Amino acid sequence: MNEFRVPPGAAVLFVDMNSFFASCEQQDNYYLRGRPVAVCVYPSQFGCVIAPSIEAKKKGIKLGMRLNEAMRICPDLVPLPTNPEKYRDYHTKIIEILKRFSDQVIPRSIDEAVVILTNHRLIYHDLEKVASAIKKAIKQEVGDYLQCSIGIAPNAFLAKLGSDLIKPNGLTVITPDNIDLILSQLELVDLPGIATGMARRLQHSGIDSPLKLRYADPEFLRAACRSIIGWHWHLRLNFYEIDTEYTPAYKSMQAMRHLSRSQRQFPEVLEEILFMLCQTLERRMVKQNVFCKTAFFWAKYEEGRTYSDEMLFQTPVQDGVALFNLILKRAATKAQWQHSSESILNSGLVLIGVGVRHFIPDQLVQYQIFEDNVRKDKLRKVYYELRDKHGSRKIMRAAEVSDDPPVKDVIGFGSVKDMYSQNV
C-alpha cells in the first residue's frame, strides 16, 4: 500500500466552463441557442474551429477541425468569429463570483479556475453544496445559458481530473475512498498533462494504467520519466498539492499566428500581423514590468521550409516598434548574405511567431546618459494604463491606425497571467 497520508482538510474545487466561447455567443444571442455553433479565429473556408458549442460537439465537431470539414459533417453549423473582449468580460464576472466563496481563487485559463477551500472547511461542511451554489450563481448572475463542470478533490490536479470526467454540467468528487475505482476506468492519456509521448514512455517502463502510476515507486517513476516529473505524478495521484503553491514568473513570452490564404497574398498585411505580434509582446512586458535581452522570430512556409532568427540586445528592449524594425532589418541582412531577393514575409508563409526571453526588471534598466528612453518608457506604461481604463479602440498610436484592420484580436485557452497583477 502507499505510504503517504492525505493532507488533513485539503479541499479544492476546479471549475471548468463548458464550451465557453460558444456558450458566451449563445448567451448573447437567443437565436443561437440549441443550434450547433463553431467559434473560429477566421470563419472562412479554411478557418480553424477553436470552440465548438455543446450542440456542435454532439454532431462530431471537434476542436482544431477545418471549417470546410466541419461544414461537411454538420451542414447547419453556424460559424462565428471570435470576440475576445466578450469572453474576457464573462471570465471576469465568473471570477468575481468564485471569490465570494474563497479568497484563494487561481484563474488557470480563460475558462478554468481553481478555488481553494482548505481554509474554509469550518464554514463549508458540504463541498457538493458549494459546487451547486457556484453553478447556480453563475447561471443567475452571469448567464443562464452558461454551464460548468466542477471537480472536487484534496488537490488541484485531481480536482481538474474530476472536472473532465462528466461534461457538460458535471460534478465529480474524488476522495481516498473512490480514487482507485476512478483511475481503474481511465487510460494514461486521460490524466491532465499526460500526452501520447509521455504515455508511451511510461508504458515502455511497464506503467500502462493510471492505477499503476499511482502505486509505482517514485524513484522508479523519476527514472522512467527521465525527470523530476515522475515524482510529481506520484505526489499528485496521492493527494499532495504541488500545482497551487506558487505561480512561476515568465521565463519567456511568445506570440504567434497561423495565416489564412487571403492574408498571405499581401505583404503589407503580413507586416501588420508581425507588427501586431510585436505589440502583443510589448503589452505583456509592460504589464509584467520587465524588459527583454533576447528576442527570437520564426516562420513556417507551405513547402515545409522554416526560417528562424535570434537577437541578443546590449540594451534591453521593451518597445514593440523597435522589435518589429529589428526583425525586418535582420531578415533583410540575412537575405543579403544568402544572396536572396525574397522577403521572409511572402505568399508561402503559413505561420509566424515572435518571442522574447532573458527578462530583467524595468527598475534595473540603465540607459546611456544621452538617450531619451526613460521618458518613452514612462509614456508607454501610461499608454497601456489608459487603454485598460478606456478600451483598446479608444486610444491608439499612429502606427496602429488603419482604415481596415486585417487582424483581429485573438484569445487562447492557456495562461491568463496578463489579465491579472502579479499578486493574484
Protein backbone atom coordinates (compact mmCIF):
# COMPACT_ATOMS: atom_id res chain seq x y z
CA MET A 1 0.00 0.00 0.00
CA ASN A 2 1.01 3.63 -0.47
CA GLU A 3 2.88 5.13 2.47
CA PHE A 4 1.73 8.74 2.01
CA ARG A 5 -1.09 10.21 4.08
CA VAL A 6 -3.70 12.63 2.78
CA PRO A 7 -3.04 16.21 3.99
CA PRO A 8 -5.83 16.81 6.54
CA GLY A 9 -8.70 19.06 5.49
CA ALA A 10 -7.44 19.80 1.98
CA ALA A 11 -10.30 20.84 -0.31
CA VAL A 12 -10.03 22.17 -3.86
CA LEU A 13 -12.68 22.88 -6.48
CA PHE A 14 -11.79 23.04 -10.17
CA VAL A 15 -14.33 24.99 -12.24
CA ASP A 16 -14.29 24.31 -15.99
CA MET A 17 -16.73 26.33 -18.12
CA ASN A 18 -18.24 24.12 -20.82
CA SER A 19 -17.76 25.18 -24.47
CA PHE A 20 -17.05 28.63 -23.08
CA PHE A 21 -16.56 30.81 -26.17
CA ALA A 22 -19.54 29.31 -28.00
CA SER A 23 -21.72 29.45 -24.87
CA CYS A 24 -20.92 33.16 -24.45
CA GLU A 25 -22.10 33.75 -28.02
CA GLN A 26 -25.27 31.75 -27.37
CA GLN A 27 -25.82 33.63 -24.13
CA ASP A 28 -25.80 36.94 -26.00
CA ASN A 29 -27.82 35.74 -28.99
CA TYR A 30 -31.00 33.86 -28.16
CA TYR A 31 -31.35 32.59 -31.74
CA LEU A 32 -28.07 30.66 -31.48
CA ARG A 33 -29.28 28.62 -28.51
CA GLY A 34 -29.83 24.97 -29.24
CA ARG A 35 -28.00 25.27 -32.56
CA PRO A 36 -24.54 23.89 -33.42
CA VAL A 37 -22.12 26.81 -33.26
CA ALA A 38 -18.39 26.94 -34.03
CA VAL A 39 -16.23 29.88 -32.96
CA CYS A 40 -13.31 30.39 -35.37
CA VAL A 41 -10.48 32.92 -35.47
CA TYR A 42 -11.28 33.37 -39.16
CA PRO A 43 -14.69 31.96 -40.20
CA SER A 44 -13.56 31.37 -43.79
CA GLN A 45 -13.45 28.10 -45.72
CA PHE A 46 -10.07 27.07 -44.29
CA GLY A 47 -10.58 28.65 -40.89
CA CYS A 48 -9.96 26.59 -37.77
CA VAL A 49 -12.63 25.72 -35.20
CA ILE A 50 -11.32 26.77 -31.79
CA ALA A 51 -14.54 26.35 -29.78
CA PRO A 52 -17.46 24.15 -30.84
CA SER A 53 -20.68 24.50 -28.86
CA ILE A 54 -22.13 21.63 -26.84
CA GLU A 55 -24.61 21.03 -29.67
CA ALA A 56 -21.82 21.00 -32.27
CA LYS A 57 -19.75 18.52 -30.25
CA LYS A 58 -22.70 16.14 -30.19
CA LYS A 59 -22.68 16.21 -34.00
CA GLY A 60 -18.98 15.35 -34.22
CA ILE A 61 -17.40 18.80 -34.49
CA LYS A 62 -14.03 18.88 -32.74
CA LEU A 63 -11.52 21.47 -31.66
CA GLY A 64 -8.94 22.12 -34.40
CA MET A 65 -11.15 21.00 -37.30
CA ARG A 66 -11.01 22.99 -40.53
CA LEU A 67 -14.27 24.81 -41.10
CA ASN A 68 -14.89 23.25 -44.53
CA GLU A 69 -14.58 19.77 -42.98
CA ALA A 70 -16.85 20.76 -40.09
CA MET A 71 -19.48 22.06 -42.52
CA ARG A 72 -19.44 18.77 -44.39
CA ILE A 73 -20.08 16.89 -41.15
CA CYS A 74 -22.68 19.37 -39.92
CA PRO A 75 -24.23 21.46 -42.75
CA ASP A 76 -26.33 23.51 -40.31
CA LEU A 77 -23.24 24.57 -38.32
CA VAL A 78 -23.15 28.31 -37.55
CA PRO A 79 -19.56 29.65 -37.81
CA LEU A 80 -18.80 32.77 -35.78
CA PRO A 81 -15.71 34.98 -35.46
CA THR A 82 -14.07 35.30 -32.07
CA ASN A 83 -14.97 38.12 -29.73
CA PRO A 84 -12.14 38.22 -27.16
CA GLU A 85 -13.42 41.25 -25.25
CA LYS A 86 -16.73 39.47 -24.66
CA TYR A 87 -15.02 36.32 -23.33
CA ARG A 88 -12.74 38.32 -21.05
CA ASP A 89 -15.75 40.19 -19.67
CA TYR A 90 -17.58 36.93 -18.91
CA HIS A 91 -14.39 35.48 -17.40
CA THR A 92 -14.05 38.46 -15.06
CA LYS A 93 -17.67 38.16 -13.89
CA ILE A 94 -17.26 34.45 -13.19
CA ILE A 95 -14.05 35.00 -11.22
CA GLU A 96 -15.81 37.64 -9.09
CA ILE A 97 -18.48 35.09 -8.19
CA LEU A 98 -15.86 32.47 -7.27
CA LYS A 99 -14.13 34.99 -4.99
CA ARG A 100 -17.26 35.15 -2.86
CA PHE A 101 -16.68 31.55 -1.85
CA SER A 102 -12.92 31.79 -1.22
CA ASP A 103 -10.17 34.36 -1.06
CA GLN A 104 -7.93 31.85 -2.84
CA VAL A 105 -9.09 31.75 -6.46
CA ILE A 106 -6.50 30.97 -9.12
CA PRO A 107 -7.54 31.54 -12.75
CA ARG A 108 -5.93 28.75 -14.78
CA SER A 109 -7.12 29.88 -18.20
CA ILE A 110 -9.89 31.94 -19.75
CA ASP A 111 -12.39 29.15 -18.99
CA GLU A 112 -10.92 27.42 -15.90
CA ALA A 113 -10.21 28.35 -12.30
CA VAL A 114 -9.08 26.71 -9.07
CA VAL A 115 -11.00 27.53 -5.89
CA ILE A 116 -9.13 26.55 -2.70
CA LEU A 117 -11.46 25.92 0.23
CA THR A 118 -8.98 24.33 2.65
CA ASN A 119 -9.10 27.32 5.00
CA HIS A 120 -12.91 27.45 4.85
CA ARG A 121 -13.84 23.93 5.94
CA LEU A 122 -15.41 25.20 9.15
CA ILE A 123 -17.79 27.27 7.02
CA TYR A 124 -18.39 24.80 4.20
CA HIS A 125 -19.27 21.37 5.56
CA ASP A 126 -20.72 20.06 2.29
CA LEU A 127 -18.49 20.80 -0.71
CA GLU A 128 -21.02 19.44 -3.19
CA LYS A 129 -23.48 22.07 -1.98
CA VAL A 130 -20.79 24.71 -2.52
CA ALA A 131 -20.28 23.49 -6.08
CA SER A 132 -24.03 23.57 -6.71
CA ALA A 133 -24.20 27.10 -5.29
CA ILE A 134 -21.42 28.20 -7.66
CA LYS A 135 -23.27 26.73 -10.64
CA LYS A 136 -26.49 28.46 -9.56
CA ALA A 137 -24.79 31.84 -9.03
CA ILE A 138 -23.14 31.72 -12.47
CA LYS A 139 -26.47 30.93 -14.13
CA GLN A 140 -28.42 33.59 -12.24
CA GLU A 141 -25.88 36.41 -12.29
CA VAL A 142 -23.67 35.84 -15.34
CA GLY A 143 -25.71 33.89 -17.87
CA ASP A 144 -28.47 31.30 -17.80
CA TYR A 145 -27.00 29.50 -20.83
CA LEU A 146 -23.57 29.06 -19.24
CA GLN A 147 -22.72 25.64 -17.81
CA CYS A 148 -19.68 24.40 -15.95
CA SER A 149 -18.25 21.10 -14.79
CA ILE A 150 -16.73 21.06 -11.31
CA GLY A 151 -14.29 18.61 -9.79
CA ILE A 152 -13.73 18.36 -6.03
CA ALA A 153 -10.61 16.76 -4.55
CA PRO A 154 -7.83 17.33 -2.00
CA ASN A 155 -5.56 18.83 -4.68
CA ALA A 156 -5.91 20.86 -7.88
CA PHE A 157 -4.71 18.08 -10.20
CA LEU A 158 -7.33 15.57 -9.07
CA ALA A 159 -9.99 18.29 -8.98
CA LYS A 160 -9.11 19.08 -12.61
CA LEU A 161 -9.37 15.38 -13.44
CA GLY A 162 -12.79 15.30 -11.78
CA SER A 163 -14.00 18.25 -13.84
CA ASP A 164 -13.04 16.39 -17.03
CA LEU A 165 -14.99 13.22 -16.24
CA ILE A 166 -18.54 14.45 -16.79
CA LYS A 167 -19.36 17.12 -19.38
CA PRO A 168 -21.37 19.21 -19.70
CA ASN A 169 -22.61 20.39 -16.31
CA GLY A 170 -20.83 17.65 -14.35
CA LEU A 171 -19.92 17.35 -10.69
CA THR A 172 -17.39 14.74 -9.54
CA VAL A 173 -15.84 14.25 -6.11
CA ILE A 174 -12.53 12.35 -5.86
CA THR A 175 -11.63 11.01 -2.41
CA PRO A 176 -9.26 8.39 -0.96
CA ASP A 177 -12.24 6.02 -0.95
CA ASN A 178 -13.06 6.21 -4.67
CA ILE A 179 -9.84 7.25 -6.39
CA ASP A 180 -8.75 3.71 -7.26
CA LEU A 181 -12.12 2.93 -8.82
CA ILE A 182 -11.99 6.12 -10.89
CA LEU A 183 -8.40 5.57 -12.04
CA SER A 184 -9.11 1.96 -12.98
CA GLN A 185 -11.57 3.18 -15.63
CA LEU A 186 -9.14 5.60 -17.30
CA GLU A 187 -6.23 5.49 -19.72
CA LEU A 188 -2.94 7.28 -19.08
CA VAL A 189 -3.79 9.96 -21.66
CA ASP A 190 -6.98 10.74 -19.73
CA LEU A 191 -4.87 12.29 -16.97
CA PRO A 192 -4.30 16.05 -17.32
CA GLY A 193 -0.84 16.75 -18.69
CA ILE A 194 -0.05 13.26 -20.00
CA ALA A 195 0.11 13.27 -23.78
CA THR A 196 0.82 10.38 -26.12
CA GLY A 197 4.60 10.70 -25.89
CA MET A 198 4.72 10.57 -22.10
CA ALA A 199 2.18 7.72 -22.04
CA ARG A 200 4.37 5.75 -24.44
CA ARG A 201 7.42 6.32 -22.24
CA LEU A 202 5.56 5.12 -19.16
CA GLN A 203 4.18 2.08 -20.98
CA HIS A 204 7.68 1.18 -22.10
CA SER A 205 8.61 1.05 -18.39
CA GLY A 206 5.64 -1.16 -17.53
CA ILE A 207 3.33 1.62 -16.28
CA ASP A 208 0.34 1.11 -18.56
CA SER A 209 -2.51 2.49 -16.43
CA PRO A 210 -3.22 5.42 -14.08
CA LEU A 211 -3.65 2.97 -11.21
CA LYS A 212 -0.15 1.54 -11.73
CA LEU A 213 1.15 5.09 -11.99
CA ARG A 214 -0.32 5.91 -8.59
CA TYR A 215 1.25 2.95 -6.80
CA ALA A 216 4.61 2.88 -8.60
CA ASP A 217 7.76 3.63 -6.64
CA PRO A 218 8.50 7.38 -7.03
CA GLU A 219 12.20 6.80 -7.78
CA PHE A 220 11.23 4.31 -10.47
CA LEU A 221 8.87 6.90 -11.96
CA ARG A 222 11.59 9.50 -11.89
CA ALA A 223 13.84 7.18 -13.87
CA ALA A 224 11.05 6.19 -16.27
CA CYS A 225 10.13 9.82 -16.99
CA ARG A 226 13.80 10.85 -17.02
CA SER A 227 12.98 13.87 -14.86
CA ILE A 228 11.51 15.03 -11.57
CA ILE A 229 8.09 14.94 -13.22
CA GLY A 230 7.84 11.26 -12.23
CA TRP A 231 7.89 12.32 -8.58
CA HIS A 232 5.27 14.94 -9.37
CA TRP A 233 2.85 12.39 -10.83
CA HIS A 234 3.28 10.25 -7.72
CA LEU A 235 2.54 13.17 -5.41
CA ARG A 236 -0.47 14.37 -7.40
CA LEU A 237 -2.11 10.96 -7.52
CA ASN A 238 -1.56 10.61 -3.78
CA PHE A 239 -3.37 13.84 -2.92
CA TYR A 240 -0.36 16.11 -2.39
CA GLU A 241 -0.60 19.66 -3.72
CA ILE A 242 2.22 20.81 -5.97
CA ASP A 243 0.29 22.92 -8.51
CA THR A 244 -1.04 25.84 -6.45
CA GLU A 245 1.88 26.63 -4.18
CA TYR A 246 3.24 29.34 -6.45
CA THR A 247 2.86 30.84 -9.89
CA PRO A 248 6.23 30.86 -11.63
CA ALA A 249 7.35 34.07 -13.27
CA TYR A 250 7.58 34.24 -17.02
CA LYS A 251 10.67 32.56 -18.46
CA SER A 252 9.66 33.59 -21.96
CA MET A 253 6.76 35.15 -23.82
CA GLN A 254 5.60 34.20 -27.29
CA ALA A 255 3.01 35.41 -29.77
CA MET A 256 2.28 33.54 -32.99
CA ARG A 257 -0.33 33.45 -35.71
CA HIS A 258 -1.44 30.98 -38.35
CA LEU A 259 -2.16 32.80 -41.59
CA SER A 260 -5.16 32.46 -43.89
CA ARG A 261 -4.70 32.23 -47.66
CA SER A 262 -6.11 35.71 -48.18
CA GLN A 263 -3.68 37.24 -45.68
CA ARG A 264 -0.64 35.71 -47.38
CA GLN A 265 -1.31 37.50 -50.67
CA PHE A 266 -0.47 40.97 -49.41
CA PRO A 267 2.97 41.86 -47.96
CA GLU A 268 1.52 44.88 -46.15
CA VAL A 269 -0.98 42.63 -44.34
CA LEU A 270 1.81 40.28 -43.28
CA GLU A 271 3.79 43.25 -41.95
CA GLU A 272 0.75 44.42 -39.99
CA ILE A 273 0.36 40.97 -38.45
CA LEU A 274 4.05 40.89 -37.49
CA PHE A 275 3.67 44.38 -36.04
CA MET A 276 0.63 43.22 -34.03
CA LEU A 277 2.61 40.28 -32.60
CA CYS A 278 5.41 42.62 -31.52
CA GLN A 279 2.86 44.95 -29.90
CA THR A 280 1.34 41.98 -28.06
CA LEU A 281 4.73 41.17 -26.53
CA GLU A 282 5.29 44.83 -25.68
CA ARG A 283 1.97 44.93 -23.81
CA ARG A 284 2.86 41.79 -21.84
CA MET A 285 6.29 43.12 -20.89
CA VAL A 286 4.85 46.46 -19.80
CA LYS A 287 2.25 44.73 -17.61
CA GLN A 288 4.93 42.50 -16.07
CA ASN A 289 7.36 45.43 -15.61
CA VAL A 290 10.18 43.72 -17.49
CA PHE A 291 12.49 44.26 -20.45
CA CYS A 292 13.99 41.50 -22.60
CA LYS A 293 17.60 40.90 -23.55
CA THR A 294 16.82 38.27 -26.20
CA ALA A 295 14.21 38.09 -28.94
CA PHE A 296 13.54 35.33 -31.44
CA PHE A 297 11.49 35.06 -34.60
CA TRP A 298 10.33 32.03 -36.56
CA ALA A 299 8.35 31.39 -39.72
CA LYS A 300 6.99 28.33 -41.48
CA TYR A 301 6.18 28.07 -45.19
CA GLU A 302 3.82 25.95 -47.29
CA GLU A 303 6.51 23.64 -48.63
CA GLY A 304 7.73 22.86 -45.11
CA ARG A 305 10.69 25.25 -45.17
CA THR A 306 11.33 27.20 -41.97
CA TYR A 307 13.14 30.39 -41.01
CA SER A 308 14.34 31.35 -37.55
CA ASP A 309 16.49 34.02 -36.01
CA GLU A 310 17.61 35.08 -32.54
CA MET A 311 18.67 38.57 -31.50
CA LEU A 312 20.68 39.50 -28.40
CA PHE A 313 20.37 43.08 -27.16
CA GLN A 314 23.12 45.05 -25.46
CA THR A 315 20.44 47.45 -24.22
CA PRO A 316 17.28 45.66 -23.00
CA VAL A 317 14.19 46.15 -25.17
CA GLN A 318 10.52 46.60 -24.36
CA ASP A 319 9.29 48.68 -27.28
CA GLY A 320 7.25 46.74 -29.87
CA VAL A 321 8.04 49.11 -32.74
CA ALA A 322 11.76 48.70 -32.12
CA LEU A 323 11.35 44.92 -32.00
CA PHE A 324 9.40 44.95 -35.28
CA ASN A 325 12.05 47.05 -37.04
CA LEU A 326 14.88 44.89 -35.71
CA ILE A 327 13.26 41.70 -37.04
CA LEU A 328 12.77 43.18 -40.52
CA LYS A 329 16.28 44.63 -40.57
CA ARG A 330 17.87 41.34 -39.52
CA ALA A 331 15.82 39.43 -42.09
CA ALA A 332 16.93 41.80 -44.86
CA THR A 333 20.57 41.42 -43.78
CA LYS A 334 20.29 37.62 -43.77
CA ALA A 335 18.75 37.71 -47.23
CA GLN A 336 21.75 39.71 -48.50
CA TRP A 337 24.17 37.19 -47.01
CA GLN A 338 22.30 34.37 -48.70
CA HIS A 339 22.03 36.32 -51.99
CA SER A 340 18.25 36.04 -51.89
CA SER A 341 15.82 38.68 -53.11
CA GLU A 342 12.80 37.02 -51.48
CA SER A 343 11.35 38.59 -48.34
CA ILE A 344 10.67 36.39 -45.32
CA LEU A 345 7.12 37.78 -45.46
CA ASN A 346 5.86 36.22 -48.69
CA SER A 347 2.82 34.40 -50.07
CA GLY A 348 4.15 30.98 -48.99
CA LEU A 349 4.05 31.90 -45.30
CA VAL A 350 1.65 29.83 -43.16
CA LEU A 351 2.81 30.72 -39.63
CA ILE A 352 4.85 33.43 -37.97
CA GLY A 353 5.87 33.84 -34.36
CA VAL A 354 7.85 36.23 -32.18
CA GLY A 355 9.23 35.55 -28.72
CA VAL A 356 11.22 37.29 -26.00
CA ARG A 357 13.16 35.98 -23.01
CA HIS A 358 16.01 36.71 -20.56
CA PHE A 359 14.00 39.33 -18.67
CA ILE A 360 15.23 41.95 -16.26
CA PRO A 361 13.04 44.18 -14.05
CA ASP A 362 12.37 47.62 -15.52
CA GLN A 363 13.89 49.38 -12.49
CA LEU A 364 17.25 47.75 -13.26
CA VAL A 365 17.40 49.01 -16.85
CA GLN A 366 20.21 51.52 -17.30
CA TYR A 367 20.46 53.79 -20.33
CA GLN A 368 23.30 55.78 -21.79
CA ILE A 369 23.28 59.32 -20.48
CA PHE A 370 22.12 60.98 -23.70
CA GLU A 371 19.30 58.59 -24.52
CA ASP A 372 15.70 59.73 -24.07
CA ASN A 373 14.28 56.27 -23.40
CA VAL A 374 13.23 56.88 -19.78
CA ARG A 375 10.55 59.34 -20.91
CA LYS A 376 9.42 56.93 -23.65
CA ASP A 377 9.17 54.03 -21.21
CA LYS A 378 7.06 56.04 -18.77
CA LEU A 379 4.83 57.16 -21.63
CA ARG A 380 4.44 53.55 -22.80
CA LYS A 381 3.29 52.47 -19.33
CA VAL A 382 0.77 55.33 -19.13
CA TYR A 383 -0.47 54.45 -22.62
CA TYR A 384 -1.38 50.90 -21.55
CA GLU A 385 -2.96 52.12 -18.32
CA LEU A 386 -5.22 54.40 -20.38
CA ARG A 387 -6.07 51.59 -22.80
CA ASP A 388 -7.02 49.33 -19.88
CA LYS A 389 -9.23 52.07 -18.47
CA HIS A 390 -10.92 53.36 -21.63
CA GLY A 391 -10.63 50.46 -24.09
CA SER A 392 -8.15 49.49 -26.80
CA ARG A 393 -10.31 51.01 -29.54
CA LYS A 394 -10.41 54.45 -27.91
CA ILE A 395 -6.67 55.05 -27.62
CA MET A 396 -4.17 54.06 -30.31
CA ARG A 397 -0.75 55.03 -31.51
CA ALA A 398 -0.50 56.46 -35.01
CA ALA A 399 1.27 53.28 -36.15
CA GLU A 400 -1.75 51.23 -35.06
CA VAL A 401 -4.34 53.21 -37.01
CA SER A 402 -5.72 51.53 -40.13
CA ASP A 403 -8.81 52.14 -42.27
CA ASP A 404 -9.48 48.41 -42.50
CA PRO A 405 -7.56 46.49 -39.83
CA PRO A 406 -6.88 42.98 -41.20
CA VAL A 407 -6.00 41.37 -37.88
CA LYS A 408 -8.48 40.54 -35.16
CA ASP A 409 -7.62 40.25 -31.52
CA VAL A 410 -7.47 36.58 -30.56
CA ILE A 411 -7.62 34.78 -27.27
CA GLY A 412 -6.22 31.45 -26.23
CA PHE A 413 -7.11 28.79 -23.70
CA GLY A 414 -3.78 28.96 -21.89
CA SER A 415 -2.33 31.38 -19.37
CA VAL A 416 -4.38 34.38 -18.25
CA LYS A 417 -1.49 35.97 -16.35
CA ASP A 418 -1.79 39.12 -18.47
CA MET A 419 -5.30 39.77 -17.12
CA TYR A 420 -4.12 39.89 -13.52
CA SER A 421 -1.49 41.60 -11.43
CA GLN A 422 1.45 39.64 -10.05
CA ASN A 423 -0.17 39.13 -6.65
CA VAL A 424 -3.18 37.15 -7.90
